[in-house]
Amino acid sequence: MKMNPNKTWRLVAEKLEAETNPRRRHVLELVLAHMKCEAQADIEGVVATLSEKPQYIIWSNPDDPIASPGGSRDAIRGFYDRSIVQTGAHRLEFDCDRVIADDDAVFTEGVMSMAYPGRTLQAMGIDVPDVDSYYLAQARMGIVWPVDLDDPEARLRGEEVYSANDAFEGVANRPISLEEIAPLDLAAV
């Protein structure tokens, strides 16, 4: 099993390159920057793409304040710190096969793969063969990246995430070594 984090923004970058509408280019640029910052576990970079009152909604669990934080940039900082940085799950690949952009939002769809440390999975109550190894959580996702229409800089209002399946189902059967994860190539796009 191999993973290439650089696939995450490939299709967004292609869409941006072909786009001539300035507003749509702006929104695509925000999503591209957001994706690259996530891949680097750069919380401040992620937050810089967001409006002052962002909202994340994970539609499989919309009422969970940890999974679906919002209302402030600090809430989003906490979300990324707890769910990405502290867990060690910042190695991800969102292999998009669809990107749709209009003046007020971008929609991305594809397979999300995230490499989770075995210890993190164990702490989540998931049995894995080796707590010192990494395992892939995978789900088909659609993400809406809405623009905050009240934000003077037209930054993102957050993310609205739809998943087709439980990313952790069967995760113990998908081991991955760090050597199987391609290094980031942020300059390639």
Protein backbone atom coordinates (compact mmCIF):
# COMPACT_ATOMS: atom_id res chain seq x y z
CA MET A 1 0.00 0.00 0.00
CA LYS A 2 1.36 3.43 -0.89
CA MET A 3 0.18 6.95 -0.23
CA ASN A 4 1.00 10.22 -1.98
CA PRO A 5 -0.06 13.37 -0.07
CA ASN A 6 0.69 15.46 -3.17
CA LYS A 7 -2.39 14.00 -4.88
CA THR A 8 -4.48 15.97 -2.39
CA TRP A 9 -4.22 19.27 -4.27
CA ARG A 10 -3.45 17.99 -7.80
CA LEU A 11 -6.97 18.36 -9.20
CA VAL A 12 -7.62 21.65 -7.35
CA ALA A 13 -4.41 23.06 -8.87
CA GLU A 14 -5.45 21.88 -12.34
CA LYS A 15 -8.87 23.51 -11.93
CA LEU A 16 -7.20 26.73 -10.72
CA GLU A 17 -4.84 26.78 -13.70
CA ALA A 18 -7.76 26.54 -16.15
CA GLU A 19 -10.02 29.02 -14.29
CA THR A 20 -10.27 32.58 -15.66
CA ASN A 21 -12.97 33.99 -13.33
CA PRO A 22 -11.17 36.06 -10.61
CA ARG A 23 -13.65 35.16 -7.85
CA ARG A 24 -13.46 31.44 -8.58
CA ARG A 25 -9.67 31.66 -8.79
CA HIS A 26 -9.66 33.28 -5.33
CA VAL A 27 -11.78 30.51 -3.82
CA LEU A 28 -9.68 27.77 -5.45
CA GLU A 29 -6.49 29.47 -4.20
CA LEU A 30 -7.87 29.39 -0.64
CA VAL A 31 -8.71 25.68 -0.87
CA LEU A 32 -5.28 24.93 -2.38
CA ALA A 33 -3.50 26.84 0.41
CA HIS A 34 -5.70 25.16 3.04
CA MET A 35 -4.89 21.68 1.69
CA LYS A 36 -1.15 22.32 1.60
CA CYS A 37 -1.15 23.69 5.14
CA GLU A 38 -3.09 20.64 6.40
CA ALA A 39 -0.49 18.36 4.84
CA GLN A 40 2.24 20.17 6.77
CA ALA A 41 0.25 20.24 10.05
CA ASP A 42 0.49 24.06 9.77
CA ILE A 43 -2.46 25.08 11.94
CA GLU A 44 -1.88 28.83 11.56
CA GLY A 45 -1.70 28.47 7.79
CA VAL A 46 -5.02 26.60 7.78
CA VAL A 47 -6.65 29.21 10.03
CA ALA A 48 -5.42 32.03 7.76
CA THR A 49 -7.66 30.67 4.97
CA LEU A 50 -10.73 30.89 7.21
CA SER A 51 -13.09 33.72 8.10
CA GLU A 52 -13.38 35.01 11.67
CA LYS A 53 -16.30 32.68 12.53
CA PRO A 54 -15.58 29.40 10.77
CA GLN A 55 -17.74 26.30 11.09
CA TYR A 56 -16.72 22.72 10.41
CA ILE A 57 -19.50 20.18 10.04
CA ILE A 58 -18.82 16.47 9.85
CA TRP A 59 -22.29 15.40 8.75
CA SER A 60 -21.89 11.90 10.16
CA ASN A 61 -21.61 13.51 13.62
CA PRO A 62 -22.78 17.15 13.34
CA ASP A 63 -23.53 17.66 17.04
CA ASP A 64 -20.13 16.53 18.32
CA PRO A 65 -18.27 19.71 19.37
CA ILE A 66 -14.90 18.01 18.79
CA ALA A 67 -15.67 16.52 15.34
CA SER A 68 -17.75 19.53 14.20
CA PRO A 69 -16.19 22.60 15.85
CA GLY A 70 -17.03 26.14 15.01
CA GLY A 71 -17.75 29.70 15.90
CA SER A 72 -14.17 30.85 16.25
CA ARG A 73 -10.72 30.40 14.84
CA ASP A 74 -9.60 29.16 18.27
CA ALA A 75 -12.14 26.32 18.06
CA ILE A 76 -10.67 25.32 14.70
CA ARG A 77 -7.11 25.57 16.06
CA GLY A 78 -8.13 23.21 18.85
CA PHE A 79 -9.73 20.82 16.38
CA TYR A 80 -6.58 20.59 14.25
CA ASP A 81 -4.34 20.33 17.27
CA ARG A 82 -6.39 17.51 18.85
CA SER A 83 -7.38 15.59 15.71
CA ILE A 84 -4.34 16.03 13.44
CA VAL A 85 -1.23 17.20 15.29
CA GLN A 86 -1.53 15.43 18.66
CA THR A 87 -2.76 12.20 17.08
CA GLY A 88 0.10 12.15 14.57
CA ALA A 89 -2.46 11.75 11.76
CA HIS A 90 -1.27 14.63 9.59
CA ARG A 91 -0.08 12.31 6.83
CA LEU A 92 -3.01 12.28 4.45
CA GLU A 93 -3.95 11.84 0.83
CA PHE A 94 -7.22 13.14 -0.58
CA ASP A 95 -7.26 11.57 -4.03
CA CYS A 96 -9.86 13.83 -5.64
CA ASP A 97 -11.63 12.75 -8.76
CA ARG A 98 -14.02 15.71 -8.84
CA VAL A 99 -13.60 19.43 -8.15
CA ILE A 100 -16.42 21.87 -8.81
CA ALA A 101 -15.98 25.60 -8.21
CA ASP A 102 -18.40 28.50 -8.29
CA ASP A 103 -18.28 32.01 -6.83
CA ASP A 104 -19.38 30.92 -3.35
CA ALA A 105 -17.90 27.45 -2.78
CA VAL A 106 -15.69 24.64 -3.97
CA PHE A 107 -16.73 20.98 -3.87
CA THR A 108 -14.09 18.25 -3.76
CA GLU A 109 -14.80 14.53 -3.89
CA GLY A 110 -12.55 11.50 -3.70
CA VAL A 111 -10.96 8.97 -1.37
CA MET A 112 -9.41 10.30 1.84
CA SER A 113 -6.60 8.21 3.32
CA MET A 114 -5.00 9.15 6.62
CA ALA A 115 -2.08 7.32 8.23
CA TYR A 116 -2.81 6.88 11.92
CA PRO A 117 -0.24 5.71 14.46
CA GLY A 118 -1.22 2.41 16.06
CA ARG A 119 -1.02 4.01 19.51
CA THR A 120 -3.58 6.63 18.49
CA LEU A 121 -5.92 3.95 17.18
CA GLN A 122 -5.46 1.95 20.37
CA ALA A 123 -6.33 5.06 22.42
CA MET A 124 -9.48 5.36 20.28
CA GLY A 125 -10.43 1.79 21.28
CA ILE A 126 -9.41 0.18 17.99
CA ASP A 127 -7.33 -3.01 18.26
CA VAL A 128 -4.34 -3.14 15.92
CA PRO A 129 -1.66 -5.83 15.52
CA ASP A 130 1.24 -3.46 16.28
CA VAL A 131 0.86 -0.19 18.19
CA ASP A 132 4.22 0.98 16.82
CA SER A 133 3.02 0.78 13.19
CA TYR A 134 0.80 3.05 11.11
CA TYR A 135 -2.56 2.14 9.59
CA LEU A 136 -4.71 3.74 6.89
CA ALA A 137 -8.14 5.08 7.71
CA GLN A 138 -9.97 5.43 4.39
CA ALA A 139 -13.31 6.85 3.31
CA ARG A 140 -14.89 8.23 0.20
CA MET A 141 -15.64 11.86 0.97
CA GLY A 142 -17.27 14.89 -0.47
CA ILE A 143 -16.24 18.23 1.01
CA VAL A 144 -17.99 21.53 0.50
CA TRP A 145 -15.69 24.51 1.08
CA PRO A 146 -18.13 27.45 1.40
CA VAL A 147 -17.08 31.09 1.26
CA ASP A 148 -18.19 33.30 4.14
CA LEU A 149 -20.25 35.85 2.22
CA ASP A 150 -20.03 38.28 5.17
CA ASP A 151 -16.23 38.13 5.30
CA PRO A 152 -14.65 41.22 3.66
CA GLU A 153 -11.76 39.07 2.39
CA ALA A 154 -14.11 36.33 1.11
CA ARG A 155 -12.29 33.64 3.07
CA LEU A 156 -13.58 30.13 3.66
CA ARG A 157 -16.36 29.60 6.19
CA GLY A 158 -15.01 26.13 6.89
CA GLU A 159 -15.63 22.62 5.66
CA GLU A 160 -18.76 20.51 5.37
CA VAL A 161 -17.75 16.85 5.14
CA TYR A 162 -19.87 13.96 3.84
CA SER A 163 -18.51 10.42 4.17
CA ALA A 164 -19.75 7.33 2.35
CA ASN A 165 -18.33 4.94 4.95
CA ASP A 166 -16.65 4.68 8.35
CA ALA A 167 -12.96 5.42 7.66
CA PHE A 168 -11.90 3.24 10.60
CA GLU A 169 -13.76 0.09 9.58
CA GLY A 170 -11.06 -2.46 8.76
CA VAL A 171 -8.24 -0.01 9.56
CA ALA A 172 -6.25 -2.72 11.38
CA ASN A 173 -6.02 -4.59 8.07
CA ARG A 174 -4.40 -1.65 6.26
CA PRO A 175 -0.88 -1.26 7.66
CA ILE A 176 1.41 1.30 6.04
CA SER A 177 5.02 2.20 6.76
CA LEU A 178 6.25 5.77 6.71
CA GLU A 179 8.54 4.74 3.83
CA GLU A 180 5.42 4.07 1.74
CA ILE A 181 4.31 7.69 2.08
CA ALA A 182 5.68 10.02 -0.58
CA PRO A 183 7.43 13.15 0.70
CA LEU A 184 5.63 16.46 0.32
CA ASP A 185 6.41 18.37 -2.87
CA LEU A 186 4.71 21.71 -2.25
CA ALA A 187 6.57 23.50 -5.04
CA ALA A 188 5.37 21.12 -7.74
CA VAL A 189 2.00 22.86 -7.97
